[in-house]
Amino acid sequence: SKCGAACVDLKKDPTNCGKCGTICGDDAGAILGGGTWE
């Protein structure tokens, strides 16, 4: 899908997850226990 000037996969892109501009972990910071946002 087109998000701004870039073509992204909304199913996998952590900065455009599900829809353009949805950033995974944007407000969560570090995850206790060593996990990652995907």
PDB file of all heavy atoms in Angstrom:
ATOM      1  N   SER A   1       0.865  -1.182   0.000  1.00  0.00           N
ATOM      2  CA  SER A   1       0.000   0.000   0.000  1.00  0.00           C
ATOM      3  C   SER A   1       0.894   1.222   0.000  1.00  0.00           C
ATOM      4  O   SER A   1       2.030   1.187   0.485  1.00  0.00           O
ATOM      5  CB  SER A   1      -0.879   0.016   1.252  1.00  0.00           C
ATOM      6  OG  SER A   1      -1.718  -1.112   1.289  1.00  0.00           O
ATOM      7  N   LYS A   2       0.364   2.334  -0.498  1.00  0.00           N
ATOM      8  CA  LYS A   2       1.133   3.569  -0.550  1.00  0.00           C
ATOM      9  C   LYS A   2       0.890   4.350   0.739  1.00  0.00           C
ATOM     10  O   LYS A   2      -0.215   4.670   1.098  1.00  0.00           O
ATOM     11  CB  LYS A   2       0.708   4.397  -1.760  1.00  0.00           C
ATOM     12  CG  LYS A   2       1.610   5.561  -2.035  1.00  0.00           C
ATOM     13  CD  LYS A   2       1.660   5.786  -3.539  1.00  0.00           C
ATOM     14  CE  LYS A   2       2.498   6.988  -3.840  1.00  0.00           C
ATOM     15  NZ  LYS A   2       3.805   6.656  -4.279  1.00  0.00           N
ATOM     16  N   CYS A   3       1.971   4.626   1.465  1.00  0.00           N
ATOM     17  CA  CYS A   3       1.940   5.457   2.661  1.00  0.00           C
ATOM     18  C   CYS A   3       2.912   6.600   2.403  1.00  0.00           C
ATOM     19  O   CYS A   3       4.128   6.387   2.414  1.00  0.00           O
ATOM     20  CB  CYS A   3       2.358   4.668   3.903  1.00  0.00           C
ATOM     21  SG  CYS A   3       1.158   3.430   4.442  1.00  0.00           S
ATOM     22  N   GLY A   4       2.399   7.788   2.161  1.00  0.00           N
ATOM     23  CA  GLY A   4       3.245   8.918   1.764  1.00  0.00           C
ATOM     24  C   GLY A   4       3.864   8.597   0.426  1.00  0.00           C
ATOM     25  O   GLY A   4       3.170   8.223  -0.519  1.00  0.00           O
ATOM     26  N   ALA A   5       5.184   8.672   0.355  1.00  0.00           N
ATOM     27  CA  ALA A   5       5.876   8.385  -0.894  1.00  0.00           C
ATOM     28  C   ALA A   5       6.356   6.938  -0.973  1.00  0.00           C
ATOM     29  O   ALA A   5       6.918   6.525  -1.977  1.00  0.00           O
ATOM     30  CB  ALA A   5       7.073   9.331  -1.045  1.00  0.00           C
ATOM     31  N   ALA A   6       6.154   6.158   0.083  1.00  0.00           N
ATOM     32  CA  ALA A   6       6.690   4.795   0.125  1.00  0.00           C
ATOM     33  C   ALA A   6       5.609   3.746  -0.096  1.00  0.00           C
ATOM     34  O   ALA A   6       4.446   3.928   0.259  1.00  0.00           O
ATOM     35  CB  ALA A   6       7.351   4.554   1.476  1.00  0.00           C
ATOM     36  N   CYS A   7       6.025   2.629  -0.682  1.00  0.00           N
ATOM     37  CA  CYS A   7       5.165   1.455  -0.810  1.00  0.00           C
ATOM     38  C   CYS A   7       5.539   0.509   0.333  1.00  0.00           C
ATOM     39  O   CYS A   7       6.710   0.176   0.517  1.00  0.00           O
ATOM     40  CB  CYS A   7       5.397   0.772  -2.155  1.00  0.00           C
ATOM     41  SG  CYS A   7       4.783   1.721  -3.557  1.00  0.00           S
ATOM     42  N   VAL A   8       4.555   0.122   1.143  1.00  0.00           N
ATOM     43  CA  VAL A   8       4.812  -0.714   2.314  1.00  0.00           C
ATOM     44  C   VAL A   8       3.819  -1.867   2.381  1.00  0.00           C
ATOM     45  O   VAL A   8       2.745  -1.808   1.803  1.00  0.00           O
ATOM     46  CB  VAL A   8       4.738   0.111   3.624  1.00  0.00           C
ATOM     47  CG1 VAL A   8       5.784   1.200   3.647  1.00  0.00           C
ATOM     48  CG2 VAL A   8       3.361   0.687   3.833  1.00  0.00           C
ATOM     49  N   ASP A   9       4.203  -2.888   3.103  1.00  0.00           N
ATOM     50  CA  ASP A   9       3.317  -4.021   3.368  1.00  0.00           C
ATOM     51  C   ASP A   9       2.675  -3.758   4.728  1.00  0.00           C
ATOM     52  O   ASP A   9       3.326  -3.889   5.771  1.00  0.00           O
ATOM     53  CB  ASP A   9       4.108  -5.325   3.378  1.00  0.00           C
ATOM     54  CG  ASP A   9       3.230  -6.561   3.551  1.00  0.00           C
ATOM     55  OD1 ASP A   9       2.058  -6.426   3.973  1.00  0.00           O
ATOM     56  OD2 ASP A   9       3.722  -7.668   3.276  1.00  0.00           O
ATOM     57  N   LEU A  10       1.422  -3.377   4.754  1.00  0.00           N
ATOM     58  CA  LEU A  10       0.721  -3.034   5.999  1.00  0.00           C
ATOM     59  C   LEU A  10       0.581  -4.224   6.951  1.00  0.00           C
ATOM     60  O   LEU A  10       0.272  -4.048   8.129  1.00  0.00           O
ATOM     61  CB  LEU A  10      -0.657  -2.444   5.692  1.00  0.00           C
ATOM     62  CG  LEU A  10      -0.670  -1.115   4.933  1.00  0.00           C
ATOM     63  CD1 LEU A  10      -2.108  -0.707   4.608  1.00  0.00           C
ATOM     64  CD2 LEU A  10       0.026  -0.035   5.735  1.00  0.00           C
ATOM     65  N   LYS A  11       0.818  -5.432   6.455  1.00  0.00           N
ATOM     66  CA  LYS A  11       0.744  -6.617   7.311  1.00  0.00           C
ATOM     67  C   LYS A  11       2.043  -6.863   8.067  1.00  0.00           C
ATOM     68  O   LYS A  11       2.063  -7.610   9.032  1.00  0.00           O
ATOM     69  CB  LYS A  11       0.400  -7.851   6.482  1.00  0.00           C
ATOM     70  CG  LYS A  11      -1.010  -7.831   5.947  1.00  0.00           C
ATOM     71  CD  LYS A  11      -1.308  -9.093   5.180  1.00  0.00           C
ATOM     72  CE  LYS A  11      -2.743  -9.058   4.668  1.00  0.00           C
ATOM     73  NZ  LYS A  11      -3.089 -10.280   3.949  1.00  0.00           N
ATOM     74  N   LYS A  12       3.176  -6.225   7.647  1.00  0.00           N
ATOM     75  CA  LYS A  12       4.479  -6.500   8.251  1.00  0.00           C
ATOM     76  C   LYS A  12       5.242  -5.265   8.699  1.00  0.00           C
ATOM     77  O   LYS A  12       6.148  -5.372   9.509  1.00  0.00           O
ATOM     78  CB  LYS A  12       5.364  -7.253   7.250  1.00  0.00           C
ATOM     79  CG  LYS A  12       4.877  -8.617   6.865  1.00  0.00           C
ATOM     80  CD  LYS A  12       5.834  -9.253   5.868  1.00  0.00           C
ATOM     81  CE  LYS A  12       5.333 -10.599   5.409  1.00  0.00           C
ATOM     82  NZ  LYS A  12       6.235 -11.186   4.397  1.00  0.00           N
ATOM     83  N   ASP A  13       4.915  -4.082   8.202  1.00  0.00           N
ATOM     84  CA  ASP A  13       5.711  -2.879   8.459  1.00  0.00           C
ATOM     85  C   ASP A  13       5.415  -2.313   9.852  1.00  0.00           C
ATOM     86  O   ASP A  13       4.303  -1.857  10.122  1.00  0.00           O
ATOM     87  CB  ASP A  13       5.408  -1.826   7.396  1.00  0.00           C
ATOM     88  CG  ASP A  13       6.307  -0.602   7.492  1.00  0.00           C
ATOM     89  OD1 ASP A  13       6.907  -0.375   8.553  1.00  0.00           O
ATOM     90  OD2 ASP A  13       6.396   0.127   6.491  1.00  0.00           O
ATOM     91  N   PRO A  14       6.398  -2.330  10.785  1.00  0.00           N
ATOM     92  CA  PRO A  14       6.145  -1.852  12.150  1.00  0.00           C
ATOM     93  C   PRO A  14       5.941  -0.338  12.254  1.00  0.00           C
ATOM     94  O   PRO A  14       5.511   0.149  13.299  1.00  0.00           O
ATOM     95  CB  PRO A  14       7.400  -2.287  12.916  1.00  0.00           C
ATOM     96  CG  PRO A  14       8.453  -2.451  11.887  1.00  0.00           C
ATOM     97  CD  PRO A  14       7.758  -2.838  10.617  1.00  0.00           C
ATOM     98  N   THR A  15       6.196   0.411  11.188  1.00  0.00           N
ATOM     99  CA  THR A  15       5.934   1.854  11.208  1.00  0.00           C
ATOM    100  C   THR A  15       4.641   2.205  10.480  1.00  0.00           C
ATOM    101  O   THR A  15       4.216   3.352  10.502  1.00  0.00           O
ATOM    102  CB  THR A  15       7.117   2.638  10.603  1.00  0.00           C
ATOM    103  OG1 THR A  15       7.331   2.190   9.269  1.00  0.00           O
ATOM    104  CG2 THR A  15       8.374   2.435  11.430  1.00  0.00           C
ATOM    105  N   ASN A  16       4.037   1.229   9.863  1.00  0.00           N
ATOM    106  CA  ASN A  16       2.745   1.379   9.183  1.00  0.00           C
ATOM    107  C   ASN A  16       2.001   0.053   9.320  1.00  0.00           C
ATOM    108  O   ASN A  16       1.779  -0.655   8.352  1.00  0.00           O
ATOM    109  CB  ASN A  16       2.953   1.724   7.700  1.00  0.00           C
ATOM    110  CG  ASN A  16       3.650   3.051   7.506  1.00  0.00           C
ATOM    111  OD1 ASN A  16       3.060   4.104   7.716  1.00  0.00           O
ATOM    112  ND2 ASN A  16       4.914   3.004   7.138  1.00  0.00           N
ATOM    113  N   CYS A  17       1.619  -0.286  10.524  1.00  0.00           N
ATOM    114  CA  CYS A  17       1.045  -1.600  10.813  1.00  0.00           C
ATOM    115  C   CYS A  17      -0.481  -1.560  10.753  1.00  0.00           C
ATOM    116  O   CYS A  17      -1.133  -0.923  11.586  1.00  0.00           O
ATOM    117  CB  CYS A  17       1.509  -2.082  12.183  1.00  0.00           C
ATOM    118  SG  CYS A  17       1.070  -3.798  12.538  1.00  0.00           S
ATOM    119  N   GLY A  18      -1.024  -2.213   9.761  1.00  0.00           N
ATOM    120  CA  GLY A  18      -2.476  -2.249   9.601  1.00  0.00           C
ATOM    121  C   GLY A  18      -3.007  -1.072   8.807  1.00  0.00           C
ATOM    122  O   GLY A  18      -3.917  -1.213   8.012  1.00  0.00           O
ATOM    123  N   LYS A  19      -2.423   0.120   9.030  1.00  0.00           N
ATOM    124  CA  LYS A  19      -2.767   1.315   8.270  1.00  0.00           C
ATOM    125  C   LYS A  19      -1.585   2.280   8.332  1.00  0.00           C
ATOM    126  O   LYS A  19      -0.718   2.181   9.206  1.00  0.00           O
ATOM    127  CB  LYS A  19      -4.051   1.963   8.785  1.00  0.00           C
ATOM    128  CG  LYS A  19      -3.978   2.516  10.180  1.00  0.00           C
ATOM    129  CD  LYS A  19      -5.307   3.134  10.593  1.00  0.00           C
ATOM    130  CE  LYS A  19      -5.165   3.752  11.982  1.00  0.00           C
ATOM    131  NZ  LYS A  19      -6.356   4.455  12.368  1.00  0.00           N
ATOM    132  N   CYS A  20      -1.536   3.184   7.430  1.00  0.00           N
ATOM    133  CA  CYS A  20      -0.441   4.148   7.357  1.00  0.00           C
ATOM    134  C   CYS A  20      -0.332   4.947   8.653  1.00  0.00           C
ATOM    135  O   CYS A  20      -1.336   5.394   9.207  1.00  0.00           O
ATOM    136  CB  CYS A  20      -0.649   5.106   6.180  1.00  0.00           C
ATOM    137  SG  CYS A  20      -0.554   4.297   4.573  1.00  0.00           S
ATOM    138  N   GLY A  21       0.894   5.061   9.176  1.00  0.00           N
ATOM    139  CA  GLY A  21       1.154   5.872  10.362  1.00  0.00           C
ATOM    140  C   GLY A  21       1.016   5.156  11.690  1.00  0.00           C
ATOM    141  O   GLY A  21       1.366   5.714  12.727  1.00  0.00           O
ATOM    142  N   THR A  22       0.515   3.919  11.704  1.00  0.00           N
ATOM    143  CA  THR A  22       0.411   3.174  12.960  1.00  0.00           C
ATOM    144  C   THR A  22       1.772   2.561  13.260  1.00  0.00           C
ATOM    145  O   THR A  22       2.237   1.664  12.573  1.00  0.00           O
ATOM    146  CB  THR A  22      -0.666   2.073  12.879  1.00  0.00           C
ATOM    147  OG1 THR A  22      -1.921   2.682  12.630  1.00  0.00           O
ATOM    148  CG2 THR A  22      -0.730   1.284  14.179  1.00  0.00           C
ATOM    149  N   ILE A  23       2.415   3.055  14.347  1.00  0.00           N
ATOM    150  CA  ILE A  23       3.758   2.616  14.708  1.00  0.00           C
ATOM    151  C   ILE A  23       3.659   1.662  15.900  1.00  0.00           C
ATOM    152  O   ILE A  23       3.112   2.010  16.943  1.00  0.00           O
ATOM    153  CB  ILE A  23       4.650   3.825  15.062  1.00  0.00           C
ATOM    154  CG1 ILE A  23       4.742   4.769  13.856  1.00  0.00           C
ATOM    155  CG2 ILE A  23       6.020   3.372  15.518  1.00  0.00           C
ATOM    156  CD1 ILE A  23       5.427   6.090  14.165  1.00  0.00           C
ATOM    157  N   CYS A  24       4.201   0.468  15.728  1.00  0.00           N
ATOM    158  CA  CYS A  24       4.196  -0.522  16.811  1.00  0.00           C
ATOM    159  C   CYS A  24       5.180  -0.102  17.889  1.00  0.00           C
ATOM    160  O   CYS A  24       6.338   0.170  17.616  1.00  0.00           O
ATOM    161  CB  CYS A  24       4.578  -1.896  16.277  1.00  0.00           C
ATOM    162  SG  CYS A  24       3.367  -2.591  15.147  1.00  0.00           S
ATOM    163  N   GLY A  25       4.700  -0.049  19.121  1.00  0.00           N
ATOM    164  CA  GLY A  25       5.552   0.263  20.255  1.00  0.00           C
ATOM    165  C   GLY A  25       5.903   1.726  20.384  1.00  0.00           C
ATOM    166  O   GLY A  25       6.744   2.080  21.182  1.00  0.00           O
ATOM    167  N   ASP A  26       5.259   2.590  19.640  1.00  0.00           N
ATOM    168  CA  ASP A  26       5.584   4.013  19.648  1.00  0.00           C
ATOM    169  C   ASP A  26       5.512   4.619  21.044  1.00  0.00           C
ATOM    170  O   ASP A  26       6.398   5.352  21.451  1.00  0.00           O
ATOM    171  CB  ASP A  26       4.628   4.764  18.703  1.00  0.00           C
ATOM    172  CG  ASP A  26       4.950   6.238  18.615  1.00  0.00           C
ATOM    173  OD1 ASP A  26       6.140   6.576  18.608  1.00  0.00           O
ATOM    174  OD2 ASP A  26       4.002   7.038  18.553  1.00  0.00           O
ATOM    175  N   ASP A  27       4.500   4.262  21.832  1.00  0.00           N
ATOM    176  CA  ASP A  27       4.349   4.860  23.157  1.00  0.00           C
ATOM    177  C   ASP A  27       4.721   3.891  24.285  1.00  0.00           C
ATOM    178  O   ASP A  27       4.653   4.239  25.445  1.00  0.00           O
ATOM    179  CB  ASP A  27       2.918   5.357  23.365  1.00  0.00           C
ATOM    180  CG  ASP A  27       1.895   4.244  23.273  1.00  0.00           C
ATOM    181  OD1 ASP A  27       2.253   3.136  22.835  1.00  0.00           O
ATOM    182  OD2 ASP A  27       0.739   4.485  23.637  1.00  0.00           O
ATOM    183  N   ALA A  28       5.155   2.697  23.952  1.00  0.00           N
ATOM    184  CA  ALA A  28       5.409   1.699  24.982  1.00  0.00           C
ATOM    185  C   ALA A  28       6.842   1.695  25.498  1.00  0.00           C
ATOM    186  O   ALA A  28       7.091   1.261  26.606  1.00  0.00           O
ATOM    187  CB  ALA A  28       5.065   0.307  24.455  1.00  0.00           C
ATOM    188  N   GLY A  29       7.787   2.168  24.730  1.00  0.00           N
ATOM    189  CA  GLY A  29       9.181   2.150  25.174  1.00  0.00           C
ATOM    190  C   GLY A  29       9.719   0.739  25.255  1.00  0.00           C
ATOM    191  O   GLY A  29       9.291  -0.150  24.532  1.00  0.00           O
ATOM    192  N   ALA A  30      10.668   0.511  26.154  1.00  0.00           N
ATOM    193  CA  ALA A  30      11.290  -0.802  26.300  1.00  0.00           C
ATOM    194  C   ALA A  30      10.298  -1.798  26.898  1.00  0.00           C
ATOM    195  O   ALA A  30       9.460  -1.445  27.713  1.00  0.00           O
ATOM    196  CB  ALA A  30      12.512  -0.692  27.192  1.00  0.00           C
ATOM    197  N   ILE A  31      10.416  -3.032  26.494  1.00  0.00           N
ATOM    198  CA  ILE A  31       9.534  -4.086  26.987  1.00  0.00           C
ATOM    199  C   ILE A  31      10.257  -4.836  28.098  1.00  0.00           C
ATOM    200  O   ILE A  31      11.362  -5.341  27.905  1.00  0.00           O
ATOM    201  CB  ILE A  31       9.139  -5.049  25.849  1.00  0.00           C
ATOM    202  CG1 ILE A  31       8.375  -4.277  24.777  1.00  0.00           C
ATOM    203  CG2 ILE A  31       8.320  -6.210  26.387  1.00  0.00           C
ATOM    204  CD1 ILE A  31       8.190  -5.038  23.500  1.00  0.00           C
ATOM    205  N   LEU A  32       9.642  -4.899  29.267  1.00  0.00           N
ATOM    206  CA  LEU A  32      10.211  -5.612  30.400  1.00  0.00           C
ATOM    207  C   LEU A  32      10.375  -7.077  30.026  1.00  0.00           C
ATOM    208  O   LEU A  32       9.452  -7.702  29.538  1.00  0.00           O
ATOM    209  CB  LEU A  32       9.284  -5.472  31.613  1.00  0.00           C
ATOM    210  CG  LEU A  32       9.779  -6.043  32.925  1.00  0.00           C
ATOM    211  CD1 LEU A  32      11.028  -5.297  33.388  1.00  0.00           C
ATOM    212  CD2 LEU A  32       8.709  -5.940  33.979  1.00  0.00           C
ATOM    213  N   GLY A  33      11.553  -7.619  30.245  1.00  0.00           N
ATOM    214  CA  GLY A  33      11.798  -9.023  29.941  1.00  0.00           C
ATOM    215  C   GLY A  33      12.445  -9.245  28.598  1.00  0.00           C
ATOM    216  O   GLY A  33      12.663 -10.372  28.187  1.00  0.00           O
ATOM    217  N   GLY A  34      12.744  -8.157  27.859  1.00  0.00           N
ATOM    218  CA  GLY A  34      13.531  -8.283  26.640  1.00  0.00           C
ATOM    219  C   GLY A  34      12.784  -8.535  25.348  1.00  0.00           C
ATOM    220  O   GLY A  34      13.392  -8.945  24.376  1.00  0.00           O
ATOM    221  N   GLY A  35      11.501  -8.317  25.272  1.00  0.00           N
ATOM    222  CA  GLY A  35      10.762  -8.532  24.040  1.00  0.00           C
ATOM    223  C   GLY A  35      10.918  -7.389  23.056  1.00  0.00           C
ATOM    224  O   GLY A  35      11.527  -6.367  23.352  1.00  0.00           O
ATOM    225  N   THR A  36      10.358  -7.580  21.869  1.00  0.00           N
ATOM    226  CA  THR A  36      10.370  -6.556  20.821  1.00  0.00           C
ATOM    227  C   THR A  36       8.972  -6.402  20.254  1.00  0.00           C
ATOM    228  O   THR A  36       8.159  -7.319  20.304  1.00  0.00           O
ATOM    229  CB  THR A  36      11.335  -6.932  19.675  1.00  0.00           C
ATOM    230  OG1 THR A  36      10.929  -8.189  19.124  1.00  0.00           O
ATOM    231  CG2 THR A  36      12.770  -7.021  20.152  1.00  0.00           C
ATOM    232  N   TRP A  37       8.720  -5.199  19.724  1.00  0.00           N
ATOM    233  CA  TRP A  37       7.458  -4.955  19.028  1.00  0.00           C
ATOM    234  C   TRP A  37       7.617  -5.368  17.578  1.00  0.00           C
ATOM    235  O   TRP A  37       8.632  -5.084  16.958  1.00  0.00           O
ATOM    236  CB  TRP A  37       7.082  -3.477  19.082  1.00  0.00           C
ATOM    237  CG  TRP A  37       6.492  -3.055  20.387  1.00  0.00           C
ATOM    238  CD1 TRP A  37       7.128  -2.419  21.400  1.00  0.00           C
ATOM    239  CD2 TRP A  37       5.145  -3.242  20.806  1.00  0.00           C
ATOM    240  NE1 TRP A  37       6.275  -2.201  22.442  1.00  0.00           N
ATOM    241  CE2 TRP A  37       5.034  -2.689  22.102  1.00  0.00           C
ATOM    242  CE3 TRP A  37       4.018  -3.816  20.233  1.00  0.00           C
ATOM    243  CZ2 TRP A  37       3.852  -2.700  22.816  1.00  0.00           C
ATOM    244  CZ3 TRP A  37       2.845  -3.819  20.950  1.00  0.00           C
ATOM    245  CH2 TRP A  37       2.765  -3.267  22.225  1.00  0.00           C
ATOM    246  N   GLU A  38       6.604  -6.042  17.014  1.00  0.00           N
ATOM    247  CA  GLU A  38       6.597  -6.416  15.609  1.00  0.00           C
ATOM    248  C   GLU A  38       5.192  -6.232  15.063  1.00  0.00           C
ATOM    249  O   GLU A  38       4.225  -6.167  15.808  1.00  0.00           O
ATOM    250  CB  GLU A  38       7.043  -7.868  15.427  1.00  0.00           C
ATOM    251  CG  GLU A  38       8.497  -8.091  15.771  1.00  0.00           C
ATOM    252  CD  GLU A  38       8.987  -9.493  15.449  1.00  0.00           C
ATOM    253  OE1 GLU A  38       8.259 -10.249  14.764  1.00  0.00           O
ATOM    254  OE2 GLU A  38      10.098  -9.829  15.880  1.00  0.00           O
TER     255      GLU A  38
END
